[in-house]
Amino acid sequence: MEPAAAIPVIEFRDVSYRVAGTQVLSGFNLQVESGETLVLLGRSGSGKTTSLKLVNRLLSPTSGDVLVNGVSNGEGDVIRLRRSIGYVIQDVGLFPHFTVERNIGLVPKIEGWPANRIRARVQELLQTVGLAADFASRYPHQLSGGQRQRVGVARALAADPEILLMDEPFGALDPLTRDELQREFLALQQRLHKTVVFVTHDLREALRLGSRIALMEAGQLVTVLSPREFLESSDPLASAYVRAFGEGLESSANRGTS
């Protein structure tokens, strides 16, 4: 008797989303497996961020269902759901009047962790994202863009969630800082094995970071491929992405799958 197939950590079942008369997603079906980095790749308006927000119920589907660990995320306490999922966005969204320590420790505090455990967790995470211990007492305006993004990742990891949702987290950074944070993300993921859904419109980033790439266009899923398969795909839209980004993609795919 064959063992039962593992339940996907995240599953979209025939999901559609419509707002103000516009069909943003249509018939969207996708599974995200435990420990993988699934990249949602597509142009602006393709439905990437909408799909991400459906996972932690910042948006609710017009039809269909989104399951987290086999259970509809429309059931139960939505606040509990959101606290159990790390969320990293491009503009970070740190509270400007909170220190770095308070920003990172926010969810653990809400969850009732004792103060000494929160302090220890903050110090652990600062080290994890490559920031010195004394950053704990700084405020967001005292940090560079890359440092703020590191704090945003630390905050998302604070309560040790199984799932990380990342919406263009490195998109606003200069190329050198972006490259550095991409490398740090890969190293972090190799250690932590989180289930990550990562939104980007940058093919190089998708090839470098993704276990699989879900290509989206006009609110629909076009194809789901490994980085290597994406480069070799005969799909017209995938081929157009490869042509547009040109040389250097082979090495990006090799880094992302190493």
Protein backbone atom coordinates (compact mmCIF):
# COMPACT_ATOMS: atom_id res chain seq x y z
CA MET A 1 0.00 0.00 0.00
CA GLU A 2 1.43 3.36 -1.07
CA PRO A 3 1.82 6.04 1.63
CA ALA A 4 -0.73 8.85 1.55
CA ALA A 5 0.38 11.97 -0.29
CA ALA A 6 1.47 14.83 1.94
CA ILE A 7 -1.08 17.60 2.38
CA PRO A 8 0.10 20.83 0.73
CA VAL A 9 0.88 23.60 3.21
CA ILE A 10 -1.04 26.03 0.99
CA GLU A 11 -3.59 25.16 -1.67
CA PHE A 12 -5.67 27.35 -3.97
CA ARG A 13 -8.75 25.50 -5.21
CA ASP A 14 -10.41 27.10 -8.22
CA VAL A 15 -10.03 30.55 -6.67
CA SER A 16 -11.46 33.66 -8.27
CA TYR A 17 -11.35 37.21 -6.99
CA ARG A 18 -13.35 40.11 -8.34
CA VAL A 19 -13.39 43.70 -7.12
CA ALA A 20 -15.19 46.80 -8.45
CA GLY A 21 -16.25 44.93 -11.56
CA THR A 22 -12.73 43.76 -12.38
CA GLN A 23 -11.79 40.08 -12.49
CA VAL A 24 -8.38 39.99 -10.75
CA LEU A 25 -8.05 36.20 -10.43
CA SER A 26 -9.89 33.51 -12.33
CA GLY A 27 -9.88 29.74 -11.82
CA PHE A 28 -6.62 29.81 -9.88
CA ASN A 29 -5.34 26.40 -8.77
CA LEU A 30 -1.96 25.98 -7.08
CA GLN A 31 -0.30 23.89 -4.37
CA VAL A 32 2.67 24.97 -2.25
CA GLU A 33 4.62 22.17 -0.63
CA SER A 34 6.33 22.14 2.77
CA GLY A 35 9.74 23.79 2.84
CA GLU A 36 9.75 25.12 -0.71
CA THR A 37 10.09 28.66 -2.01
CA LEU A 38 7.30 29.09 -4.54
CA VAL A 39 7.79 32.26 -6.57
CA LEU A 40 4.78 34.03 -8.08
CA LEU A 41 6.18 35.70 -11.19
CA GLY A 42 4.34 38.05 -13.49
CA ARG A 43 3.85 41.56 -14.74
CA SER A 44 2.04 44.26 -12.77
CA GLY A 45 -1.65 43.44 -12.62
CA SER A 46 -1.19 39.70 -13.13
CA GLY A 47 -2.67 38.89 -9.71
CA LYS A 48 0.48 38.04 -7.75
CA THR A 49 -0.08 40.23 -4.69
CA THR A 50 -3.79 39.42 -4.65
CA SER A 51 -2.93 35.71 -4.49
CA LEU A 52 -0.54 36.36 -1.62
CA LYS A 53 -3.13 38.34 0.36
CA LEU A 54 -5.67 35.56 -0.05
CA VAL A 55 -3.39 33.23 1.95
CA ASN A 56 -3.49 35.26 5.18
CA ARG A 57 -7.05 36.43 4.53
CA LEU A 58 -6.22 40.08 3.95
CA LEU A 59 -8.53 39.41 1.01
CA SER A 60 -11.29 36.81 0.72
CA PRO A 61 -11.96 34.95 -2.54
CA THR A 62 -15.09 35.71 -4.53
CA SER A 63 -15.33 31.98 -5.20
CA GLY A 64 -13.23 28.91 -4.55
CA ASP A 65 -11.20 28.22 -1.44
CA VAL A 66 -7.72 28.71 0.00
CA LEU A 67 -6.51 25.96 2.34
CA VAL A 68 -3.69 26.17 4.87
CA ASN A 69 -2.52 22.74 6.06
CA GLY A 70 -5.64 21.19 4.61
CA VAL A 71 -8.11 23.52 6.33
CA SER A 72 -9.99 26.38 4.69
CA ASN A 73 -8.50 29.63 5.91
CA GLY A 74 -12.01 31.04 5.99
CA GLU A 75 -12.71 28.88 9.03
CA GLY A 76 -11.63 29.81 12.53
CA ASP A 77 -10.02 32.96 13.88
CA VAL A 78 -8.57 35.18 11.14
CA ILE A 79 -6.36 37.04 13.64
CA ARG A 80 -4.86 33.75 14.80
CA LEU A 81 -4.29 32.81 11.16
CA ARG A 82 -2.41 36.04 10.42
CA ARG A 83 -0.25 35.76 13.53
CA SER A 84 0.79 32.28 12.43
CA ILE A 85 2.06 33.52 9.05
CA GLY A 86 5.09 35.76 8.56
CA TYR A 87 4.50 38.64 6.14
CA VAL A 88 7.24 40.76 4.54
CA ILE A 89 6.43 43.62 2.15
CA GLN A 90 8.49 45.99 0.04
CA ASP A 91 8.08 49.07 2.23
CA VAL A 92 8.66 46.97 5.38
CA GLY A 93 5.87 48.66 7.39
CA LEU A 94 7.82 49.01 10.63
CA PHE A 95 6.18 51.09 13.36
CA PRO A 96 8.25 54.31 13.34
CA HIS A 97 7.71 55.04 17.06
CA PHE A 98 8.80 51.52 18.09
CA THR A 99 12.41 50.50 18.56
CA VAL A 100 13.74 47.61 16.51
CA GLU A 101 13.30 45.38 19.55
CA ARG A 102 9.64 46.33 19.94
CA ASN A 103 8.99 45.91 16.22
CA ILE A 104 10.50 42.43 16.14
CA GLY A 105 8.91 41.37 19.42
CA LEU A 106 5.40 42.60 18.60
CA VAL A 107 3.73 39.27 17.77
CA PRO A 108 5.47 37.34 20.57
CA LYS A 109 4.29 40.03 23.01
CA ILE A 110 0.73 39.76 21.71
CA GLU A 111 1.03 35.99 22.08
CA GLY A 112 1.92 36.44 25.75
CA TRP A 113 5.60 35.51 25.71
CA PRO A 114 7.49 36.61 28.85
CA ALA A 115 9.77 39.63 28.43
CA ASN A 116 13.01 37.69 28.89
CA ARG A 117 12.03 35.21 26.18
CA ILE A 118 11.17 38.06 23.80
CA ARG A 119 14.51 39.77 24.43
CA ALA A 120 16.36 36.51 23.79
CA ARG A 121 14.38 35.91 20.59
CA VAL A 122 15.09 39.45 19.34
CA GLN A 123 18.82 39.00 19.89
CA GLU A 124 18.75 35.62 18.17
CA LEU A 125 16.95 37.06 15.15
CA LEU A 126 19.18 40.12 14.88
CA GLN A 127 22.11 37.74 14.60
CA THR A 128 20.19 35.59 12.11
CA VAL A 129 19.58 38.52 9.74
CA GLY A 130 23.08 39.92 10.12
CA LEU A 131 22.54 42.86 12.46
CA ALA A 132 24.51 43.64 15.61
CA ALA A 133 22.89 43.38 19.04
CA ASP A 134 22.90 47.15 19.56
CA PHE A 135 20.43 47.60 16.69
CA ALA A 136 17.71 46.54 19.15
CA SER A 137 17.55 50.05 20.64
CA ARG A 138 17.47 51.91 17.32
CA TYR A 139 14.41 53.31 15.57
CA PRO A 140 13.48 52.69 11.92
CA HIS A 141 14.50 56.19 10.81
CA GLN A 142 18.03 55.42 12.04
CA LEU A 143 18.37 52.45 9.66
CA SER A 144 19.27 52.13 6.00
CA GLY A 145 16.83 50.56 3.55
CA GLY A 146 18.64 47.23 3.70
CA GLN A 147 18.72 47.29 7.49
CA ARG A 148 15.00 48.03 7.67
CA GLN A 149 14.33 45.13 5.33
CA ARG A 150 16.39 42.83 7.56
CA VAL A 151 14.34 43.95 10.55
CA GLY A 152 11.18 43.25 8.55
CA VAL A 153 12.34 39.69 7.90
CA ALA A 154 13.26 39.26 11.58
CA ARG A 155 9.82 40.50 12.62
CA ALA A 156 8.15 38.03 10.25
CA LEU A 157 10.18 35.19 11.78
CA ALA A 158 9.67 36.26 15.41
CA ALA A 159 7.02 33.73 16.39
CA ASP A 160 8.63 30.99 14.26
CA PRO A 161 5.82 30.70 11.67
CA GLU A 162 5.73 27.77 9.27
CA ILE A 163 4.79 30.05 6.36
CA LEU A 164 6.42 33.24 5.06
CA LEU A 165 4.69 35.49 2.55
CA MET A 166 7.09 37.90 0.83
CA ASP A 167 5.78 40.60 -1.51
CA GLU A 168 8.62 42.12 -3.58
CA PRO A 169 10.66 42.44 -0.36
CA PHE A 170 13.87 43.52 -2.08
CA GLY A 171 12.35 45.47 -4.98
CA ALA A 172 13.03 48.98 -3.64
CA LEU A 173 16.69 48.37 -2.75
CA ASP A 174 19.77 49.31 -4.73
CA PRO A 175 21.29 46.44 -6.81
CA LEU A 176 24.19 45.69 -4.43
CA THR A 177 21.98 45.58 -1.33
CA ARG A 178 19.41 43.52 -3.20
CA ASP A 179 22.06 41.00 -4.24
CA GLU A 180 23.33 40.77 -0.66
CA LEU A 181 19.86 40.19 0.79
CA GLN A 182 19.05 37.59 -1.85
CA ARG A 183 22.17 35.67 -0.86
CA GLU A 184 21.25 35.98 2.82
CA PHE A 185 17.72 34.79 2.09
CA LEU A 186 19.05 31.65 0.38
CA ALA A 187 21.33 30.89 3.33
CA LEU A 188 18.49 31.54 5.77
CA GLN A 189 16.10 29.27 3.90
CA GLN A 190 18.66 26.45 3.82
CA ARG A 191 18.79 26.62 7.63
CA LEU A 192 15.12 27.22 8.45
CA HIS A 193 13.24 25.39 5.66
CA LYS A 194 10.19 27.65 5.84
CA THR A 195 7.38 27.36 3.33
CA VAL A 196 7.74 30.59 1.36
CA VAL A 197 5.53 32.27 -1.22
CA PHE A 198 7.61 35.01 -2.84
CA VAL A 199 6.20 37.63 -5.23
CA THR A 200 8.41 39.26 -7.85
CA HIS A 201 8.31 40.56 -11.41
CA ASP A 202 12.07 40.02 -11.77
CA LEU A 203 12.95 36.77 -13.56
CA ARG A 204 16.55 36.76 -12.31
CA GLU A 205 15.29 36.94 -8.73
CA ALA A 206 12.76 34.18 -9.41
CA LEU A 207 15.42 31.90 -10.89
CA ARG A 208 17.82 32.58 -8.05
CA LEU A 209 15.45 32.15 -5.12
CA GLY A 210 12.67 29.85 -6.25
CA SER A 211 12.31 26.10 -5.86
CA ARG A 212 9.51 26.47 -8.40
CA ILE A 213 8.20 29.41 -10.40
CA ALA A 214 4.46 29.96 -10.91
CA LEU A 215 4.07 32.22 -13.94
CA MET A 216 0.94 34.37 -13.87
CA GLU A 217 -0.72 36.50 -16.53
CA ALA A 218 -4.00 38.43 -16.41
CA GLY A 219 -5.17 36.75 -13.21
CA GLN A 220 -4.51 33.21 -14.36
CA LEU A 221 -1.83 30.63 -13.72
CA VAL A 222 0.11 29.98 -16.92
CA THR A 223 2.55 27.28 -15.76
CA VAL A 224 4.55 26.07 -12.75
CA LEU A 225 8.15 25.07 -13.44
CA SER A 226 11.50 24.61 -11.75
CA PRO A 227 14.08 27.32 -12.61
CA ARG A 228 15.80 24.94 -15.03
CA GLU A 229 12.52 23.97 -16.68
CA PHE A 230 11.58 27.64 -16.97
CA LEU A 231 14.71 28.44 -18.96
CA GLU A 232 14.03 25.52 -21.29
CA SER A 233 10.26 25.98 -21.55
CA SER A 234 8.55 26.30 -24.92
CA ASP A 235 5.66 28.21 -23.36
CA PRO A 236 5.39 31.51 -25.30
CA LEU A 237 5.11 33.69 -22.19
CA ALA A 238 7.99 31.97 -20.40
CA SER A 239 10.12 32.28 -23.54
CA ALA A 240 9.26 35.98 -23.76
CA TYR A 241 10.47 36.49 -20.18
CA VAL A 242 13.74 34.71 -20.93
CA ARG A 243 14.31 36.78 -24.07
CA ALA A 244 13.51 40.02 -22.24
CA PHE A 245 16.00 39.37 -19.46
CA GLY A 246 18.69 38.14 -21.83
CA GLU A 247 22.07 36.84 -20.75
CA GLY A 248 23.06 35.78 -17.28
CA LEU A 249 19.93 33.74 -16.60
CA GLU A 250 21.73 30.39 -16.75
CA SER A 251 23.95 31.31 -13.80
CA SER A 252 20.93 32.64 -11.87
CA ALA A 253 19.16 29.32 -12.27
CA ASN A 254 22.26 27.44 -11.16
CA ARG A 255 22.53 29.57 -8.00
CA GLY A 256 18.85 29.14 -7.22
CA THR A 257 18.99 25.34 -7.43
CA SER A 258 22.33 24.73 -5.78
